[in-house]
Each structure stands twice: as C-alpha cells, then as structure tokens.
Amino acid sequence: MTREEHMSWAKQRAPAYLPADPEGALDSITSDLTKHRETANHAGLMLTMMLRMSGHLSTASDVRKHIEGFN
C-alpha cells in the first residue's frame, strides 16, 4: 500500500467514530498512521497530541476538520 493509499484509508476509518466518540476518532487516526513506515512519524501525530492536551479537539466538528486536514 502506498503512503497516499494508507493515508486515505486511515482518514476514511476515523470518522466512523463521530459524532459519538471524538476521542475514539483521534485514537483511530493516530493508531492507523503509526502502522505505515511512511506515515509513522507524520508531523500531524505530534500536532494531534498537542491539540488534544490543550483542549482544542474537544468537539466532533473540530476532530472531523482535523482529520480531514491530514495529508
């Protein structure tokens, strides 16, 4: 699977948790991105952690926008 295919797959899976479980959606994208050698060190993983810890990804809408922004 190419990097692009893997990223697309991860971005399609994560929103399945929304709107009921925004934390689950973030856990999904984080876990999935670490499973491919070309996305395992994606800058978005660190950004996700920082935004979560600061409370900026608290709503389903915020989480959806964040996930859709991964590339």
PDB file of N, CA and C in Angstrom:
ATOM      1  N   MET A   1       0.854  -1.171   0.000  1.00  0.00           N
ATOM      2  CA  MET A   1       0.000   0.000   0.000  1.00  0.00           C
ATOM      3  C   MET A   1       0.902   1.237   0.000  1.00  0.00           C
ATOM      4  N   THR A   2       0.593   2.183  -0.867  1.00  0.00           N
ATOM      5  CA  THR A   2       1.379   3.416  -0.923  1.00  0.00           C
ATOM      6  C   THR A   2       1.034   4.305   0.269  1.00  0.00           C
ATOM      7  N   ARG A   3       1.861   5.316   0.475  1.00  0.00           N
ATOM      8  CA  ARG A   3       1.610   6.281   1.536  1.00  0.00           C
ATOM      9  C   ARG A   3       0.244   6.940   1.343  1.00  0.00           C
ATOM     10  N   GLU A   4      -0.041   7.345   0.129  1.00  0.00           N
ATOM     11  CA  GLU A   4      -1.299   8.024  -0.165  1.00  0.00           C
ATOM     12  C   GLU A   4      -2.500   7.115   0.092  1.00  0.00           C
ATOM     13  N   GLU A   5      -2.388   5.860  -0.305  1.00  0.00           N
ATOM     14  CA  GLU A   5      -3.470   4.902  -0.075  1.00  0.00           C
ATOM     15  C   GLU A   5      -3.683   4.673   1.422  1.00  0.00           C
ATOM     16  N   HIS A   6      -2.583   4.558   2.144  1.00  0.00           N
ATOM     17  CA  HIS A   6      -2.688   4.343   3.585  1.00  0.00           C
ATOM     18  C   HIS A   6      -3.329   5.554   4.272  1.00  0.00           C
ATOM     19  N   MET A   7      -2.899   6.741   3.877  1.00  0.00           N
ATOM     20  CA  MET A   7      -3.461   7.965   4.459  1.00  0.00           C
ATOM     21  C   MET A   7      -4.954   8.040   4.169  1.00  0.00           C
ATOM     22  N   SER A   8      -5.351   7.752   2.960  1.00  0.00           N
ATOM     23  CA  SER A   8      -6.768   7.767   2.597  1.00  0.00           C
ATOM     24  C   SER A   8      -7.558   6.759   3.422  1.00  0.00           C
ATOM     25  N   TRP A   9      -7.022   5.567   3.580  1.00  0.00           N
ATOM     26  CA  TRP A   9      -7.670   4.518   4.373  1.00  0.00           C
ATOM     27  C   TRP A   9      -7.851   4.976   5.819  1.00  0.00           C
ATOM     28  N   ALA A  10      -6.810   5.540   6.407  1.00  0.00           N
ATOM     29  CA  ALA A  10      -6.876   5.993   7.797  1.00  0.00           C
ATOM     30  C   ALA A  10      -7.895   7.126   7.953  1.00  0.00           C
ATOM     31  N   LYS A  11      -7.922   8.042   6.995  1.00  0.00           N
ATOM     32  CA  LYS A  11      -8.859   9.168   7.064  1.00  0.00           C
ATOM     33  C   LYS A  11     -10.307   8.728   6.864  1.00  0.00           C
ATOM     34  N   GLN A  12     -10.531   7.644   6.166  1.00  0.00           N
ATOM     35  CA  GLN A  12     -11.884   7.136   5.972  1.00  0.00           C
ATOM     36  C   GLN A  12     -12.383   6.399   7.204  1.00  0.00           C
ATOM     37  N   ARG A  13     -11.484   5.724   7.918  1.00  0.00           N
ATOM     38  CA  ARG A  13     -11.879   4.928   9.086  1.00  0.00           C
ATOM     39  C   ARG A  13     -12.219   5.783  10.311  1.00  0.00           C
ATOM     40  N   ALA A  14     -11.420   6.780  10.571  1.00  0.00           N
ATOM     41  CA  ALA A  14     -11.556   7.556  11.807  1.00  0.00           C
ATOM     42  C   ALA A  14     -12.922   8.221  11.990  1.00  0.00           C
ATOM     43  N   PRO A  15     -13.501   8.825  10.977  1.00  0.00           N
ATOM     44  CA  PRO A  15     -14.791   9.495  11.174  1.00  0.00           C
ATOM     45  C   PRO A  15     -15.949   8.557  11.535  1.00  0.00           C
ATOM     46  N   ALA A  16     -15.749   7.270  11.401  1.00  0.00           N
ATOM     47  CA  ALA A  16     -16.805   6.321  11.784  1.00  0.00           C
ATOM     48  C   ALA A  16     -17.144   6.443  13.265  1.00  0.00           C
ATOM     49  N   TYR A  17     -16.233   6.964  14.051  1.00  0.00           N
ATOM     50  CA  TYR A  17     -16.463   7.143  15.482  1.00  0.00           C
ATOM     51  C   TYR A  17     -17.271   8.404  15.798  1.00  0.00           C
ATOM     52  N   LEU A  18     -17.395   9.279  14.833  1.00  0.00           N
ATOM     53  CA  LEU A  18     -18.070  10.561  15.060  1.00  0.00           C
ATOM     54  C   LEU A  18     -19.551  10.465  14.749  1.00  0.00           C
ATOM     55  N   PRO A  19     -20.368  11.241  15.432  1.00  0.00           N
ATOM     56  CA  PRO A  19     -20.065  12.261  16.425  1.00  0.00           C
ATOM     57  C   PRO A  19     -19.974  11.726  17.856  1.00  0.00           C
ATOM     58  N   ALA A  20     -20.308  10.456  18.073  1.00  0.00           N
ATOM     59  CA  ALA A  20     -20.420   9.925  19.433  1.00  0.00           C
ATOM     60  C   ALA A  20     -19.102   9.863  20.197  1.00  0.00           C
ATOM     61  N   ASP A  21     -17.985   9.617  19.504  1.00  0.00           N
ATOM     62  CA  ASP A  21     -16.728   9.357  20.201  1.00  0.00           C
ATOM     63  C   ASP A  21     -15.554  10.089  19.538  1.00  0.00           C
ATOM     64  N   PRO A  22     -15.443  11.402  19.744  1.00  0.00           N
ATOM     65  CA  PRO A  22     -14.328  12.149  19.142  1.00  0.00           C
ATOM     66  C   PRO A  22     -12.958  11.616  19.562  1.00  0.00           C
ATOM     67  N   GLU A  23     -12.827  11.201  20.816  1.00  0.00           N
ATOM     68  CA  GLU A  23     -11.555  10.649  21.285  1.00  0.00           C
ATOM     69  C   GLU A  23     -11.221   9.360  20.525  1.00  0.00           C
ATOM     70  N   GLY A  24     -12.227   8.541  20.277  1.00  0.00           N
ATOM     71  CA  GLY A  24     -12.030   7.308  19.525  1.00  0.00           C
ATOM     72  C   GLY A  24     -11.575   7.588  18.102  1.00  0.00           C
ATOM     73  N   ALA A  25     -12.116   8.635  17.499  1.00  0.00           N
ATOM     74  CA  ALA A  25     -11.700   9.006  16.145  1.00  0.00           C
ATOM     75  C   ALA A  25     -10.239   9.429  16.127  1.00  0.00           C
ATOM     76  N   LEU A  26      -9.825  10.192  17.122  1.00  0.00           N
ATOM     77  CA  LEU A  26      -8.427  10.601  17.205  1.00  0.00           C
ATOM     78  C   LEU A  26      -7.517   9.407  17.482  1.00  0.00           C
ATOM     79  N   ASP A  27      -7.971   8.512  18.334  1.00  0.00           N
ATOM     80  CA  ASP A  27      -7.199   7.296  18.607  1.00  0.00           C
ATOM     81  C   ASP A  27      -7.043   6.467  17.335  1.00  0.00           C
ATOM     82  N   SER A  28      -8.104   6.401  16.536  1.00  0.00           N
ATOM     83  CA  SER A  28      -8.086   5.618  15.309  1.00  0.00           C
ATOM     84  C   SER A  28      -7.071   6.165  14.315  1.00  0.00           C
ATOM     85  N   ILE A  29      -7.129   7.464  14.042  1.00  0.00           N
ATOM     86  CA  ILE A  29      -6.212   8.035  13.054  1.00  0.00           C
ATOM     87  C   ILE A  29      -4.774   7.940  13.543  1.00  0.00           C
ATOM     88  N   THR A  30      -4.568   8.151  14.836  1.00  0.00           N
ATOM     89  CA  THR A  30      -3.222   8.064  15.399  1.00  0.00           C
ATOM     90  C   THR A  30      -2.677   6.647  15.273  1.00  0.00           C
ATOM     91  N   SER A  31      -3.473   5.690  15.652  1.00  0.00           N
ATOM     92  CA  SER A  31      -3.049   4.292  15.568  1.00  0.00           C
ATOM     93  C   SER A  31      -2.778   3.878  14.126  1.00  0.00           C
ATOM     94  N   ASP A  32      -3.697   4.220  13.236  1.00  0.00           N
ATOM     95  CA  ASP A  32      -3.547   3.812  11.841  1.00  0.00           C
ATOM     96  C   ASP A  32      -2.312   4.432  11.185  1.00  0.00           C
ATOM     97  N   LEU A  33      -2.035   5.680  11.478  1.00  0.00           N
ATOM     98  CA  LEU A  33      -0.879   6.323  10.850  1.00  0.00           C
ATOM     99  C   LEU A  33       0.432   5.717  11.321  1.00  0.00           C
ATOM    100  N   THR A  34       0.472   5.199  12.520  1.00  0.00           N
ATOM    101  CA  THR A  34       1.717   4.593  13.009  1.00  0.00           C
ATOM    102  C   THR A  34       1.972   3.223  12.374  1.00  0.00           C
ATOM    103  N   LYS A  35       1.016   2.692  11.635  1.00  0.00           N
ATOM    104  CA  LYS A  35       1.136   1.352  11.051  1.00  0.00           C
ATOM    105  C   LYS A  35       1.800   1.321   9.674  1.00  0.00           C
ATOM    106  N   HIS A  36       2.163   2.469   9.154  1.00  0.00           N
ATOM    107  CA  HIS A  36       2.808   2.521   7.840  1.00  0.00           C
ATOM    108  C   HIS A  36       4.137   3.251   7.987  1.00  0.00           C
ATOM    109  N   ARG A  37       5.171   2.709   7.392  1.00  0.00           N
ATOM    110  CA  ARG A  37       6.503   3.286   7.598  1.00  0.00           C
ATOM    111  C   ARG A  37       6.620   4.731   7.110  1.00  0.00           C
ATOM    112  N   GLU A  38       5.828   5.109   6.129  1.00  0.00           N
ATOM    113  CA  GLU A  38       5.925   6.474   5.601  1.00  0.00           C
ATOM    114  C   GLU A  38       5.023   7.475   6.324  1.00  0.00           C
ATOM    115  N   THR A  39       4.167   6.996   7.211  1.00  0.00           N
ATOM    116  CA  THR A  39       3.325   7.923   7.990  1.00  0.00           C
ATOM    117  C   THR A  39       3.564   7.794   9.489  1.00  0.00           C
ATOM    118  N   ALA A  40       4.414   6.860   9.884  1.00  0.00           N
ATOM    119  CA  ALA A  40       4.637   6.595  11.307  1.00  0.00           C
ATOM    120  C   ALA A  40       5.194   7.799  12.060  1.00  0.00           C
ATOM    121  N   ASN A  41       5.923   8.664  11.376  1.00  0.00           N
ATOM    122  CA  ASN A  41       6.479   9.856  12.013  1.00  0.00           C
ATOM    123  C   ASN A  41       5.846  11.130  11.476  1.00  0.00           C
ATOM    124  N   HIS A  42       4.610  11.029  11.046  1.00  0.00           N
ATOM    125  CA  HIS A  42       3.877  12.165  10.472  1.00  0.00           C
ATOM    126  C   HIS A  42       3.793  13.291  11.503  1.00  0.00           C
ATOM    127  N   ALA A  43       4.061  14.502  11.067  1.00  0.00           N
ATOM    128  CA  ALA A  43       4.014  15.661  11.969  1.00  0.00           C
ATOM    129  C   ALA A  43       2.632  15.833  12.594  1.00  0.00           C
ATOM    130  N   GLY A  44       1.617  15.384  11.900  1.00  0.00           N
ATOM    131  CA  GLY A  44       0.257  15.501  12.414  1.00  0.00           C
ATOM    132  C   GLY A  44       0.018  14.696  13.680  1.00  0.00           C
ATOM    133  N   LEU A  45       0.816  13.665  13.894  1.00  0.00           N
ATOM    134  CA  LEU A  45       0.660  12.875  15.113  1.00  0.00           C
ATOM    135  C   LEU A  45       1.027  13.702  16.339  1.00  0.00           C
ATOM    136  N   MET A  46       2.127  14.429  16.273  1.00  0.00           N
ATOM    137  CA  MET A  46       2.540  15.291  17.384  1.00  0.00           C
ATOM    138  C   MET A  46       1.557  16.443  17.539  1.00  0.00           C
ATOM    139  N   LEU A  47       1.125  17.006  16.431  1.00  0.00           N
ATOM    140  CA  LEU A  47       0.152  18.086  16.479  1.00  0.00           C
ATOM    141  C   LEU A  47      -1.148  17.614  17.127  1.00  0.00           C
ATOM    142  N   THR A  48      -1.583  16.420  16.772  1.00  0.00           N
ATOM    143  CA  THR A  48      -2.795  15.861  17.360  1.00  0.00           C
ATOM    144  C   THR A  48      -2.655  15.755  18.871  1.00  0.00           C
ATOM    145  N   MET A  49      -1.519  15.255  19.321  1.00  0.00           N
ATOM    146  CA  MET A  49      -1.299  15.118  20.755  1.00  0.00           C
ATOM    147  C   MET A  49      -1.330  16.480  21.454  1.00  0.00           C
ATOM    148  N   MET A  50      -0.685  17.461  20.871  1.00  0.00           N
ATOM    149  CA  MET A  50      -0.654  18.796  21.486  1.00  0.00           C
ATOM    150  C   MET A  50      -2.040  19.426  21.510  1.00  0.00           C
ATOM    151  N   LEU A  51      -2.789  19.293  20.419  1.00  0.00           N
ATOM    152  CA  LEU A  51      -4.130  19.874  20.364  1.00  0.00           C
ATOM    153  C   LEU A  51      -5.081  19.176  21.338  1.00  0.00           C
ATOM    154  N   ARG A  52      -4.938  17.875  21.478  1.00  0.00           N
ATOM    155  CA  ARG A  52      -5.769  17.126  22.439  1.00  0.00           C
ATOM    156  C   ARG A  52      -5.489  17.595  23.858  1.00  0.00           C
ATOM    157  N   MET A  53      -4.213  17.686  24.195  1.00  0.00           N
ATOM    158  CA  MET A  53      -3.824  18.050  25.558  1.00  0.00           C
ATOM    159  C   MET A  53      -4.255  19.473  25.914  1.00  0.00           C
ATOM    160  N   SER A  54      -4.333  20.336  24.913  1.00  0.00           N
ATOM    161  CA  SER A  54      -4.711  21.725  25.165  1.00  0.00           C
ATOM    162  C   SER A  54      -6.219  21.956  25.060  1.00  0.00           C
ATOM    163  N   GLY A  55      -6.965  20.905  24.726  1.00  0.00           N
ATOM    164  CA  GLY A  55      -8.417  21.010  24.665  1.00  0.00           C
ATOM    165  C   GLY A  55      -8.972  21.572  23.377  1.00  0.00           C
ATOM    166  N   HIS A  56      -8.149  21.669  22.347  1.00  0.00           N
ATOM    167  CA  HIS A  56      -8.609  22.240  21.079  1.00  0.00           C
ATOM    168  C   HIS A  56      -9.309  21.248  20.161  1.00  0.00           C
ATOM    169  N   LEU A  57      -9.338  19.988  20.552  1.00  0.00           N
ATOM    170  CA  LEU A  57     -10.032  18.979  19.753  1.00  0.00           C
ATOM    171  C   LEU A  57     -11.100  18.318  20.617  1.00  0.00           C
ATOM    172  N   SER A  58     -11.989  19.118  21.128  1.00  0.00           N
ATOM    173  CA  SER A  58     -12.979  18.597  22.077  1.00  0.00           C
ATOM    174  C   SER A  58     -14.336  18.291  21.451  1.00  0.00           C
ATOM    175  N   THR A  59     -14.621  18.844  20.287  1.00  0.00           N
ATOM    176  CA  THR A  59     -15.918  18.585  19.668  1.00  0.00           C
ATOM    177  C   THR A  59     -15.759  17.697  18.432  1.00  0.00           C
ATOM    178  N   ALA A  60     -16.815  17.032  18.065  1.00  0.00           N
ATOM    179  CA  ALA A  60     -16.798  16.178  16.876  1.00  0.00           C
ATOM    180  C   ALA A  60     -16.458  16.992  15.631  1.00  0.00           C
ATOM    181  N   SER A  61     -16.948  18.201  15.558  1.00  0.00           N
ATOM    182  CA  SER A  61     -16.667  19.059  14.408  1.00  0.00           C
ATOM    183  C   SER A  61     -15.178  19.397  14.323  1.00  0.00           C
ATOM    184  N   ASP A  62     -14.580  19.746  15.460  1.00  0.00           N
ATOM    185  CA  ASP A  62     -13.143  20.048  15.487  1.00  0.00           C
ATOM    186  C   ASP A  62     -12.325  18.840  15.058  1.00  0.00           C
ATOM    187  N   VAL A  63     -12.707  17.682  15.556  1.00  0.00           N
ATOM    188  CA  VAL A  63     -11.984  16.452  15.249  1.00  0.00           C
ATOM    189  C   VAL A  63     -12.120  16.113  13.771  1.00  0.00           C
ATOM    190  N   ARG A  64     -13.321  16.240  13.230  1.00  0.00           N
ATOM    191  CA  ARG A  64     -13.531  15.953  11.804  1.00  0.00           C
ATOM    192  C   ARG A  64     -12.655  16.866  10.930  1.00  0.00           C
ATOM    193  N   LYS A  65     -12.623  18.142  11.227  1.00  0.00           N
ATOM    194  CA  LYS A  65     -11.806  19.083  10.449  1.00  0.00           C
ATOM    195  C   LYS A  65     -10.333  18.718  10.561  1.00  0.00           C
ATOM    196  N   HIS A  66      -9.912  18.362  11.742  1.00  0.00           N
ATOM    197  CA  HIS A  66      -8.505  17.993  11.952  1.00  0.00           C
ATOM    198  C   HIS A  66      -8.149  16.748  11.127  1.00  0.00           C
ATOM    199  N   ILE A  67      -8.969  15.740  11.183  1.00  0.00           N
ATOM    200  CA  ILE A  67      -8.701  14.503  10.429  1.00  0.00           C
ATOM    201  C   ILE A  67      -8.704  14.774   8.925  1.00  0.00           C
ATOM    202  N   GLU A  68      -9.654  15.539   8.471  1.00  0.00           N
ATOM    203  CA  GLU A  68      -9.726  15.849   7.037  1.00  0.00           C
ATOM    204  C   GLU A  68      -8.515  16.636   6.560  1.00  0.00           C
ATOM    205  N   GLY A  69      -7.842  17.346   7.467  1.00  0.00           N
ATOM    206  CA  GLY A  69      -6.683  18.148   7.108  1.00  0.00           C
ATOM    207  C   GLY A  69      -5.385  17.361   6.955  1.00  0.00           C
ATOM    208  N   PHE A  70      -5.382  16.106   7.379  1.00  0.00           N
ATOM    209  CA  PHE A  70      -4.163  15.305   7.227  1.00  0.00           C
ATOM    210  C   PHE A  70      -3.856  15.089   5.750  1.00  0.00           C
ATOM    211  N   ASN A  71      -2.593  15.176   5.391  1.00  0.00           N
ATOM    212  CA  ASN A  71      -2.180  14.862   4.021  1.00  0.00           C
ATOM    213  C   ASN A  71      -0.752  14.360   4.006  1.00  0.00           C
TER     214      ASN A  71
END
